[in-house]
Amino acid sequence: MQVSRSAYYDWQCTKQEPDTKELMLKNKIQELFKKSRQTYGSRRLTKALKAEGYDTGRFKVRRLMGELKLEVRFPKRFRVTTDSNHSLTVAPNTLDRQFNPTVPNKVWTTDISYVWTLEGWMYVAVVIDLYSRQVVGWAVDEHMQTSLCIKALQMAYWRKKPSKGLMHHSDRGSQYASHCYREQLKKMGMVQSMSRKGNCWDNSPTERFFRSLKYEQLNYEKFIYKAAAKLSIVDYIAFYNGYRMHSTLGYKSPMLFEEEFYRKTA
């Protein structure tokens, strides 16, 4: 082959040496994947890597994820908690799927979901600011009565102290149509909007949050005690607000996206 013995052995040694840069990249991918709680696919991992100073393409990240056997968590079905079969007053769908307000505390959405434990069901109500997709208020309890939703609303109100005229959007559940809840909205100066009957797309950002909560965390845990389920939900909300990337926010977390708004307007 017209190659000297020494040159051949040098080539063999070079060939067998591991690619240091690729090993470092693999380690970083594993680290970020674990930090994302196994929820980041190749697209989000590529964004996260670039934020850490790793300039690499999505196809390479996908290949390395395959080599590392990193499998992303996928959604599972969950039950409906909305009871819209009532004779209570229903607000019009004023929001009309305008899900991208230009400032914080202009449009809030809300909904209820659940989690099973060996001690019975636990229910969670959240309030989300559509501008940043941040969960600004939440409540977890053993029931899904109106008081649960009011607690989440009150937390959001006292944390953010929005100006009057904020639009509050929900489904047609009896909790949100009740006299007590509507009185709370009136006191806070909020304008009520409700989805059309049987149309989950009219409140899709909030539905999407619960979908993420389910398939990124709750579906992979078995809770013996209700207290453990509550801790897990609050833990996920902290992760969701402070770290989880959102494609609608330019692959930034809700808190970072909101902070950038206030920095620009300061």
C-alpha atoms as a PDB file:
ATOM      1  CA  MET A   1       0.000   0.000   0.000  1.00  0.00           C
ATOM      2  CA  GLN A   2       3.109   2.174  -0.153  1.00  0.00           C
ATOM      3  CA  VAL A   3       2.731   3.198   3.526  1.00  0.00           C
ATOM      4  CA  SER A   4       5.504   2.839   6.094  1.00  0.00           C
ATOM      5  CA  ARG A   5       4.964   0.633   9.125  1.00  0.00           C
ATOM      6  CA  SER A   6       5.361   3.583  11.543  1.00  0.00           C
ATOM      7  CA  ALA A   7       2.847   5.733   9.613  1.00  0.00           C
ATOM      8  CA  TYR A   8       0.329   2.867   9.663  1.00  0.00           C
ATOM      9  CA  TYR A   9       0.635   2.417  13.443  1.00  0.00           C
ATOM     10  CA  ASP A  10       0.317   6.183  13.974  1.00  0.00           C
ATOM     11  CA  TRP A  11      -2.907   6.152  11.931  1.00  0.00           C
ATOM     12  CA  GLN A  12      -4.281   3.211  13.940  1.00  0.00           C
ATOM     13  CA  CYS A  13      -3.643   5.002  17.234  1.00  0.00           C
ATOM     14  CA  THR A  14      -5.279   8.201  15.957  1.00  0.00           C
ATOM     15  CA  LYS A  15      -8.282   6.250  14.681  1.00  0.00           C
ATOM     16  CA  GLN A  16      -8.854   4.530  18.008  1.00  0.00           C
ATOM     17  CA  GLU A  17      -8.617   7.700  20.091  1.00  0.00           C
ATOM     18  CA  PRO A  18     -12.076   8.934  21.130  1.00  0.00           C
ATOM     19  CA  ASP A  19     -13.341  12.220  19.728  1.00  0.00           C
ATOM     20  CA  THR A  20     -12.930  14.481  22.761  1.00  0.00           C
ATOM     21  CA  LYS A  21     -15.250  17.184  21.438  1.00  0.00           C
ATOM     22  CA  GLU A  22     -17.987  14.667  20.707  1.00  0.00           C
ATOM     23  CA  LEU A  23     -17.614  13.115  24.148  1.00  0.00           C
ATOM     24  CA  MET A  24     -17.979  16.559  25.725  1.00  0.00           C
ATOM     25  CA  LEU A  25     -21.026  17.215  23.561  1.00  0.00           C
ATOM     26  CA  LYS A  26     -22.589  13.896  24.563  1.00  0.00           C
ATOM     27  CA  ASN A  27     -22.020  14.664  28.236  1.00  0.00           C
ATOM     28  CA  LYS A  28     -23.637  18.069  27.838  1.00  0.00           C
ATOM     29  CA  ILE A  29     -26.599  16.541  25.957  1.00  0.00           C
ATOM     30  CA  GLN A  30     -27.121  14.033  28.760  1.00  0.00           C
ATOM     31  CA  GLU A  31     -26.879  16.808  31.347  1.00  0.00           C
ATOM     32  CA  LEU A  32     -29.415  19.061  29.587  1.00  0.00           C
ATOM     33  CA  PHE A  33     -31.746  16.154  28.844  1.00  0.00           C
ATOM     34  CA  LYS A  34     -31.765  15.186  32.517  1.00  0.00           C
ATOM     35  CA  LYS A  35     -32.273  18.813  33.545  1.00  0.00           C
ATOM     36  CA  SER A  36     -35.282  19.005  31.202  1.00  0.00           C
ATOM     37  CA  ARG A  37     -36.747  15.957  32.967  1.00  0.00           C
ATOM     38  CA  GLN A  38     -36.511  13.926  29.745  1.00  0.00           C
ATOM     39  CA  THR A  39     -38.841  16.334  27.929  1.00  0.00           C
ATOM     40  CA  TYR A  40     -36.514  18.013  25.392  1.00  0.00           C
ATOM     41  CA  GLY A  41     -36.392  16.550  21.906  1.00  0.00           C
ATOM     42  CA  SER A  42     -33.646  17.340  19.396  1.00  0.00           C
ATOM     43  CA  ARG A  43     -35.057  20.781  18.561  1.00  0.00           C
ATOM     44  CA  ARG A  44     -35.137  22.087  22.146  1.00  0.00           C
ATOM     45  CA  LEU A  45     -31.845  20.395  23.021  1.00  0.00           C
ATOM     46  CA  THR A  46     -30.190  22.135  20.065  1.00  0.00           C
ATOM     47  CA  LYS A  47     -31.495  25.494  21.344  1.00  0.00           C
ATOM     48  CA  ALA A  48     -30.311  24.697  24.879  1.00  0.00           C
ATOM     49  CA  LEU A  49     -26.873  23.664  23.599  1.00  0.00           C
ATOM     50  CA  LYS A  50     -26.474  26.909  21.637  1.00  0.00           C
ATOM     51  CA  ALA A  51     -27.384  28.857  24.771  1.00  0.00           C
ATOM     52  CA  GLU A  52     -24.504  27.008  26.482  1.00  0.00           C
ATOM     53  CA  GLY A  53     -22.076  27.885  23.671  1.00  0.00           C
ATOM     54  CA  TYR A  54     -22.236  24.621  21.697  1.00  0.00           C
ATOM     55  CA  ASP A  55     -22.704  25.423  18.008  1.00  0.00           C
ATOM     56  CA  THR A  56     -24.120  22.189  16.636  1.00  0.00           C
ATOM     57  CA  GLY A  57     -26.940  21.209  14.293  1.00  0.00           C
ATOM     58  CA  ARG A  58     -30.204  19.502  15.106  1.00  0.00           C
ATOM     59  CA  PHE A  59     -29.486  16.394  13.004  1.00  0.00           C
ATOM     60  CA  LYS A  60     -26.241  15.759  14.869  1.00  0.00           C
ATOM     61  CA  VAL A  61     -28.045  16.193  18.186  1.00  0.00           C
ATOM     62  CA  ARG A  62     -30.714  13.728  17.041  1.00  0.00           C
ATOM     63  CA  ARG A  63     -28.008  11.205  16.056  1.00  0.00           C
ATOM     64  CA  LEU A  64     -26.221  11.546  19.387  1.00  0.00           C
ATOM     65  CA  MET A  65     -29.513  11.216  21.274  1.00  0.00           C
ATOM     66  CA  GLY A  66     -30.033   7.929  19.438  1.00  0.00           C
ATOM     67  CA  GLU A  67     -26.563   6.730  20.371  1.00  0.00           C
ATOM     68  CA  LEU A  68     -27.176   7.690  23.995  1.00  0.00           C
ATOM     69  CA  LYS A  69     -30.630   6.032  23.913  1.00  0.00           C
ATOM     70  CA  LEU A  70     -32.339   9.178  25.206  1.00  0.00           C
ATOM     71  CA  GLU A  71     -36.108   8.741  24.842  1.00  0.00           C
ATOM     72  CA  VAL A  72     -38.441  11.702  25.210  1.00  0.00           C
ATOM     73  CA  ARG A  73     -41.576  11.348  27.310  1.00  0.00           C
ATOM     74  CA  PHE A  74     -44.821  11.328  25.333  1.00  0.00           C
ATOM     75  CA  PRO A  75     -48.396  12.256  26.343  1.00  0.00           C
ATOM     76  CA  LYS A  76     -51.062   9.867  27.523  1.00  0.00           C
ATOM     77  CA  ARG A  77     -54.831  10.314  27.628  1.00  0.00           C
ATOM     78  CA  PHE A  78     -56.491  11.964  30.588  1.00  0.00           C
ATOM     79  CA  ARG A  79     -60.036  12.457  31.785  1.00  0.00           C
ATOM     80  CA  VAL A  80     -62.173  15.586  31.346  1.00  0.00           C
ATOM     81  CA  THR A  81     -62.958  17.636  34.477  1.00  0.00           C
ATOM     82  CA  THR A  82     -65.261  20.255  32.907  1.00  0.00           C
ATOM     83  CA  ASP A  83     -68.941  20.192  33.832  1.00  0.00           C
ATOM     84  CA  SER A  84     -70.702  22.518  31.392  1.00  0.00           C
ATOM     85  CA  ASN A  85     -74.153  20.961  31.813  1.00  0.00           C
ATOM     86  CA  HIS A  86     -75.616  23.649  34.043  1.00  0.00           C
ATOM     87  CA  SER A  87     -78.054  26.567  33.847  1.00  0.00           C
ATOM     88  CA  LEU A  88     -75.646  29.214  35.162  1.00  0.00           C
ATOM     89  CA  THR A  89     -74.803  32.426  33.312  1.00  0.00           C
ATOM     90  CA  VAL A  90     -72.228  31.922  30.541  1.00  0.00           C
ATOM     91  CA  ALA A  91     -69.934  34.716  29.338  1.00  0.00           C
ATOM     92  CA  PRO A  92     -69.279  35.252  25.591  1.00  0.00           C
ATOM     93  CA  ASN A  93     -66.085  34.045  23.945  1.00  0.00           C
ATOM     94  CA  THR A  94     -64.512  37.527  23.877  1.00  0.00           C
ATOM     95  CA  LEU A  95     -60.958  36.158  23.670  1.00  0.00           C
ATOM     96  CA  ASP A  96     -61.796  34.341  20.414  1.00  0.00           C
ATOM     97  CA  ARG A  97     -58.458  32.480  20.335  1.00  0.00           C
ATOM     98  CA  GLN A  98     -56.349  35.652  20.396  1.00  0.00           C
ATOM     99  CA  PHE A  99     -53.625  33.912  22.370  1.00  0.00           C
ATOM    100  CA  ASN A 100     -50.735  36.364  21.881  1.00  0.00           C
ATOM    101  CA  PRO A 101     -51.188  39.570  23.911  1.00  0.00           C
ATOM    102  CA  THR A 102     -48.333  42.069  23.610  1.00  0.00           C
ATOM    103  CA  VAL A 103     -47.952  42.867  27.325  1.00  0.00           C
ATOM    104  CA  PRO A 104     -48.117  40.907  30.611  1.00  0.00           C
ATOM    105  CA  ASN A 105     -51.286  40.845  32.737  1.00  0.00           C
ATOM    106  CA  LYS A 106     -53.606  41.619  29.843  1.00  0.00           C
ATOM    107  CA  VAL A 107     -55.136  38.137  29.345  1.00  0.00           C
ATOM    108  CA  TRP A 108     -55.235  35.304  31.873  1.00  0.00           C
ATOM    109  CA  THR A 109     -56.596  31.823  31.228  1.00  0.00           C
ATOM    110  CA  THR A 110     -57.559  29.174  33.760  1.00  0.00           C
ATOM    111  CA  ASP A 111     -58.653  25.541  34.082  1.00  0.00           C
ATOM    112  CA  ILE A 112     -58.730  22.487  36.383  1.00  0.00           C
ATOM    113  CA  SER A 113     -57.101  19.056  36.154  1.00  0.00           C
ATOM    114  CA  TYR A 114     -56.492  16.111  38.485  1.00  0.00           C
ATOM    115  CA  VAL A 115     -54.009  13.502  39.689  1.00  0.00           C
ATOM    116  CA  TRP A 116     -54.678  10.067  41.198  1.00  0.00           C
ATOM    117  CA  THR A 117     -53.094   8.903  44.464  1.00  0.00           C
ATOM    118  CA  LEU A 118     -53.664   5.795  46.558  1.00  0.00           C
ATOM    119  CA  GLU A 119     -55.475   8.064  49.026  1.00  0.00           C
ATOM    120  CA  GLY A 120     -57.841   9.318  46.303  1.00  0.00           C
ATOM    121  CA  TRP A 121     -58.022  12.116  43.728  1.00  0.00           C
ATOM    122  CA  MET A 122     -56.264  15.477  43.994  1.00  0.00           C
ATOM    123  CA  TYR A 123     -57.270  18.463  41.858  1.00  0.00           C
ATOM    124  CA  VAL A 124     -55.221  21.399  40.628  1.00  0.00           C
ATOM    125  CA  ALA A 125     -56.448  24.758  39.321  1.00  0.00           C
ATOM    126  CA  VAL A 126     -54.061  27.123  37.546  1.00  0.00           C
ATOM    127  CA  VAL A 127     -54.136  30.672  36.191  1.00  0.00           C
ATOM    128  CA  ILE A 128     -51.823  31.394  33.247  1.00  0.00           C
ATOM    129  CA  ASP A 129     -50.679  34.744  31.847  1.00  0.00           C
ATOM    130  CA  LEU A 130     -50.947  34.338  28.071  1.00  0.00           C
ATOM    131  CA  TYR A 131     -48.164  36.833  27.371  1.00  0.00           C
ATOM    132  CA  SER A 132     -45.429  34.742  28.979  1.00  0.00           C
ATOM    133  CA  ARG A 133     -47.333  31.448  29.470  1.00  0.00           C
ATOM    134  CA  GLN A 134     -46.310  31.739  33.118  1.00  0.00           C
ATOM    135  CA  VAL A 135     -48.433  30.009  35.760  1.00  0.00           C
ATOM    136  CA  VAL A 136     -49.180  33.038  37.941  1.00  0.00           C
ATOM    137  CA  GLY A 137     -51.594  31.350  40.346  1.00  0.00           C
ATOM    138  CA  TRP A 138     -52.409  27.806  41.430  1.00  0.00           C
ATOM    139  CA  ALA A 139     -54.215  25.781  44.076  1.00  0.00           C
ATOM    140  CA  VAL A 140     -54.194  22.045  44.873  1.00  0.00           C
ATOM    141  CA  ASP A 141     -56.835  20.316  47.008  1.00  0.00           C
ATOM    142  CA  GLU A 142     -58.936  17.178  47.460  1.00  0.00           C
ATOM    143  CA  HIS A 143     -61.965  18.676  45.680  1.00  0.00           C
ATOM    144  CA  MET A 144     -62.742  20.609  42.489  1.00  0.00           C
ATOM    145  CA  GLN A 145     -65.252  23.019  43.942  1.00  0.00           C
ATOM    146  CA  THR A 146     -65.433  26.744  43.172  1.00  0.00           C
ATOM    147  CA  SER A 147     -63.263  27.586  46.197  1.00  0.00           C
ATOM    148  CA  LEU A 148     -60.326  25.753  44.566  1.00  0.00           C
ATOM    149  CA  CYS A 149     -60.533  28.010  41.502  1.00  0.00           C
ATOM    150  CA  ILE A 150     -60.956  31.129  43.644  1.00  0.00           C
ATOM    151  CA  LYS A 151     -57.782  30.289  45.587  1.00  0.00           C
ATOM    152  CA  ALA A 152     -55.785  30.064  42.340  1.00  0.00           C
ATOM    153  CA  LEU A 153     -57.286  33.341  41.121  1.00  0.00           C
ATOM    154  CA  GLN A 154     -56.553  35.133  44.400  1.00  0.00           C
ATOM    155  CA  MET A 155     -52.937  33.959  44.354  1.00  0.00           C
ATOM    156  CA  ALA A 156     -52.514  35.269  40.809  1.00  0.00           C
ATOM    157  CA  TYR A 157     -54.155  38.592  41.694  1.00  0.00           C
ATOM    158  CA  TRP A 158     -52.049  39.262  44.797  1.00  0.00           C
ATOM    159  CA  ARG A 159     -48.822  38.171  43.090  1.00  0.00           C
ATOM    160  CA  LYS A 160     -49.276  40.298  39.954  1.00  0.00           C
ATOM    161  CA  LYS A 161     -51.716  43.053  41.027  1.00  0.00           C
ATOM    162  CA  PRO A 162     -53.033  43.626  37.475  1.00  0.00           C
ATOM    163  CA  SER A 163     -54.818  46.787  36.358  1.00  0.00           C
ATOM    164  CA  LYS A 164     -58.572  46.751  35.851  1.00  0.00           C
ATOM    165  CA  GLY A 165     -59.802  45.488  32.509  1.00  0.00           C
ATOM    166  CA  LEU A 166     -57.728  42.299  32.406  1.00  0.00           C
ATOM    167  CA  MET A 167     -59.491  39.615  30.361  1.00  0.00           C
ATOM    168  CA  HIS A 168     -60.084  36.351  32.240  1.00  0.00           C
ATOM    169  CA  HIS A 169     -60.798  33.348  30.009  1.00  0.00           C
ATOM    170  CA  SER A 170     -61.975  29.860  31.021  1.00  0.00           C
ATOM    171  CA  ASP A 171     -64.150  27.018  29.821  1.00  0.00           C
ATOM    172  CA  ARG A 172     -67.862  26.860  30.727  1.00  0.00           C
ATOM    173  CA  GLY A 173     -67.319  24.816  33.882  1.00  0.00           C
ATOM    174  CA  SER A 174     -69.811  25.379  36.678  1.00  0.00           C
ATOM    175  CA  GLN A 175     -67.003  26.624  38.951  1.00  0.00           C
ATOM    176  CA  TYR A 176     -66.226  29.556  36.623  1.00  0.00           C
ATOM    177  CA  ALA A 177     -69.883  30.296  35.870  1.00  0.00           C
ATOM    178  CA  SER A 178     -70.858  30.325  39.556  1.00  0.00           C
ATOM    179  CA  HIS A 179     -72.047  33.473  41.302  1.00  0.00           C
ATOM    180  CA  CYS A 180     -69.119  33.383  43.784  1.00  0.00           C
ATOM    181  CA  TYR A 181     -66.486  33.235  41.065  1.00  0.00           C
ATOM    182  CA  ARG A 182     -68.104  35.972  38.980  1.00  0.00           C
ATOM    183  CA  GLU A 183     -68.257  38.172  42.088  1.00  0.00           C
ATOM    184  CA  GLN A 184     -64.501  37.693  42.581  1.00  0.00           C
ATOM    185  CA  LEU A 185     -63.844  38.755  39.002  1.00  0.00           C
ATOM    186  CA  LYS A 186     -66.056  41.807  39.454  1.00  0.00           C
ATOM    187  CA  LYS A 187     -64.202  42.873  42.615  1.00  0.00           C
ATOM    188  CA  MET A 188     -60.874  42.503  40.815  1.00  0.00           C
ATOM    189  CA  GLY A 189     -62.086  44.482  37.808  1.00  0.00           C
ATOM    190  CA  MET A 190     -61.664  41.608  35.351  1.00  0.00           C
ATOM    191  CA  VAL A 191     -63.644  40.977  32.166  1.00  0.00           C
ATOM    192  CA  GLN A 192     -64.902  37.388  31.857  1.00  0.00           C
ATOM    193  CA  SER A 193     -64.633  35.371  28.649  1.00  0.00           C
ATOM    194  CA  MET A 194     -65.584  31.708  28.138  1.00  0.00           C
ATOM    195  CA  SER A 195     -64.920  29.066  25.519  1.00  0.00           C
ATOM    196  CA  ARG A 196     -67.692  27.856  23.270  1.00  0.00           C
ATOM    197  CA  LYS A 197     -69.465  24.722  24.448  1.00  0.00           C
ATOM    198  CA  GLY A 198     -67.418  21.561  23.920  1.00  0.00           C
ATOM    199  CA  ASN A 199     -64.569  23.430  22.186  1.00  0.00           C
ATOM    200  CA  CYS A 200     -61.273  22.739  23.969  1.00  0.00           C
ATOM    201  CA  TRP A 201     -59.320  24.710  21.341  1.00  0.00           C
ATOM    202  CA  ASP A 202     -60.767  27.956  22.691  1.00  0.00           C
ATOM    203  CA  ASN A 203     -58.617  27.439  25.807  1.00  0.00           C
ATOM    204  CA  SER A 204     -55.770  25.487  24.232  1.00  0.00           C
ATOM    205  CA  PRO A 205     -52.782  27.188  25.981  1.00  0.00           C
ATOM    206  CA  THR A 206     -54.093  26.079  29.382  1.00  0.00           C
ATOM    207  CA  GLU A 207     -54.952  22.625  28.057  1.00  0.00           C
ATOM    208  CA  ARG A 208     -51.400  22.452  26.745  1.00  0.00           C
ATOM    209  CA  PHE A 209     -49.976  23.236  30.178  1.00  0.00           C
ATOM    210  CA  PHE A 210     -51.913  20.359  31.744  1.00  0.00           C
ATOM    211  CA  ARG A 211     -50.835  18.089  28.921  1.00  0.00           C
ATOM    212  CA  SER A 212     -47.201  18.943  29.727  1.00  0.00           C
ATOM    213  CA  LEU A 213     -47.763  18.479  33.463  1.00  0.00           C
ATOM    214  CA  LYS A 214     -49.230  15.034  32.809  1.00  0.00           C
ATOM    215  CA  TYR A 215     -46.793  13.584  30.309  1.00  0.00           C
ATOM    216  CA  GLU A 216     -43.634  15.272  31.569  1.00  0.00           C
ATOM    217  CA  GLN A 217     -44.111  14.404  35.227  1.00  0.00           C
ATOM    218  CA  LEU A 218     -47.305  13.046  36.779  1.00  0.00           C
ATOM    219  CA  ASN A 219     -47.787  10.061  34.483  1.00  0.00           C
ATOM    220  CA  TYR A 220     -44.356   8.766  35.500  1.00  0.00           C
ATOM    221  CA  GLU A 221     -44.959   8.884  39.241  1.00  0.00           C
ATOM    222  CA  LYS A 222     -47.068   6.721  41.539  1.00  0.00           C
ATOM    223  CA  PHE A 223     -48.323   8.634  44.538  1.00  0.00           C
ATOM    224  CA  ILE A 224     -49.156   6.889  47.790  1.00  0.00           C
ATOM    225  CA  TYR A 225     -50.024  10.090  49.616  1.00  0.00           C
ATOM    226  CA  LYS A 226     -51.921  13.186  48.505  1.00  0.00           C
ATOM    227  CA  ALA A 227     -49.258  15.408  50.062  1.00  0.00           C
ATOM    228  CA  ALA A 228     -46.642  13.878  47.746  1.00  0.00           C
ATOM    229  CA  ALA A 229     -48.801  14.631  44.690  1.00  0.00           C
ATOM    230  CA  LYS A 230     -49.193  18.245  45.787  1.00  0.00           C
ATOM    231  CA  LEU A 231     -45.431  18.629  46.202  1.00  0.00           C
ATOM    232  CA  SER A 232     -44.847  17.134  42.752  1.00  0.00           C
ATOM    233  CA  ILE A 233     -47.311  19.540  41.111  1.00  0.00           C
ATOM    234  CA  VAL A 234     -45.774  22.608  42.776  1.00  0.00           C
ATOM    235  CA  ASP A 235     -42.298  21.347  41.872  1.00  0.00           C
ATOM    236  CA  TYR A 236     -43.307  21.044  38.213  1.00  0.00           C
ATOM    237  CA  ILE A 237     -44.817  24.538  38.165  1.00  0.00           C
ATOM    238  CA  ALA A 238     -41.489  25.929  39.430  1.00  0.00           C
ATOM    239  CA  PHE A 239     -39.643  23.998  36.692  1.00  0.00           C
ATOM    240  CA  TYR A 240     -42.166  25.074  34.044  1.00  0.00           C
ATOM    241  CA  ASN A 241     -41.992  28.764  34.939  1.00  0.00           C
ATOM    242  CA  GLY A 242     -38.279  29.045  35.547  1.00  0.00           C
ATOM    243  CA  TYR A 243     -36.564  26.644  33.164  1.00  0.00           C
ATOM    244  CA  ARG A 244     -38.735  24.937  30.548  1.00  0.00           C
ATOM    245  CA  MET A 245     -38.335  26.343  27.031  1.00  0.00           C
ATOM    246  CA  HIS A 246     -41.432  27.332  25.025  1.00  0.00           C
ATOM    247  CA  SER A 247     -41.392  27.443  21.244  1.00  0.00           C
ATOM    248  CA  THR A 248     -44.022  30.227  21.288  1.00  0.00           C
ATOM    249  CA  LEU A 249     -41.625  32.340  23.398  1.00  0.00           C
ATOM    250  CA  GLY A 250     -38.643  31.915  21.101  1.00  0.00           C
ATOM    251  CA  TYR A 251     -37.399  28.957  23.174  1.00  0.00           C
ATOM    252  CA  LYS A 252     -37.206  30.913  26.429  1.00  0.00           C
ATOM    253  CA  SER A 253     -38.721  30.130  29.803  1.00  0.00           C
ATOM    254  CA  PRO A 254     -41.820  32.098  30.905  1.00  0.00           C
ATOM    255  CA  MET A 255     -39.952  33.977  33.638  1.00  0.00           C
ATOM    256  CA  LEU A 256     -37.056  34.915  31.358  1.00  0.00           C
ATOM    257  CA  PHE A 257     -39.461  36.070  28.650  1.00  0.00           C
ATOM    258  CA  GLU A 258     -41.323  38.304  31.105  1.00  0.00           C
ATOM    259  CA  GLU A 259     -38.072  39.648  32.602  1.00  0.00           C
ATOM    260  CA  GLU A 260     -36.883  40.675  29.148  1.00  0.00           C
ATOM    261  CA  PHE A 261     -40.129  42.606  28.597  1.00  0.00           C
ATOM    262  CA  TYR A 262     -39.687  44.637  31.794  1.00  0.00           C
ATOM    263  CA  ARG A 263     -36.003  45.230  31.011  1.00  0.00           C
ATOM    264  CA  LYS A 264     -36.911  46.675  27.627  1.00  0.00           C
ATOM    265  CA  THR A 265     -39.649  48.892  29.026  1.00  0.00           C
ATOM    266  CA  ALA A 266     -37.727  50.058  32.127  1.00  0.00           C
END
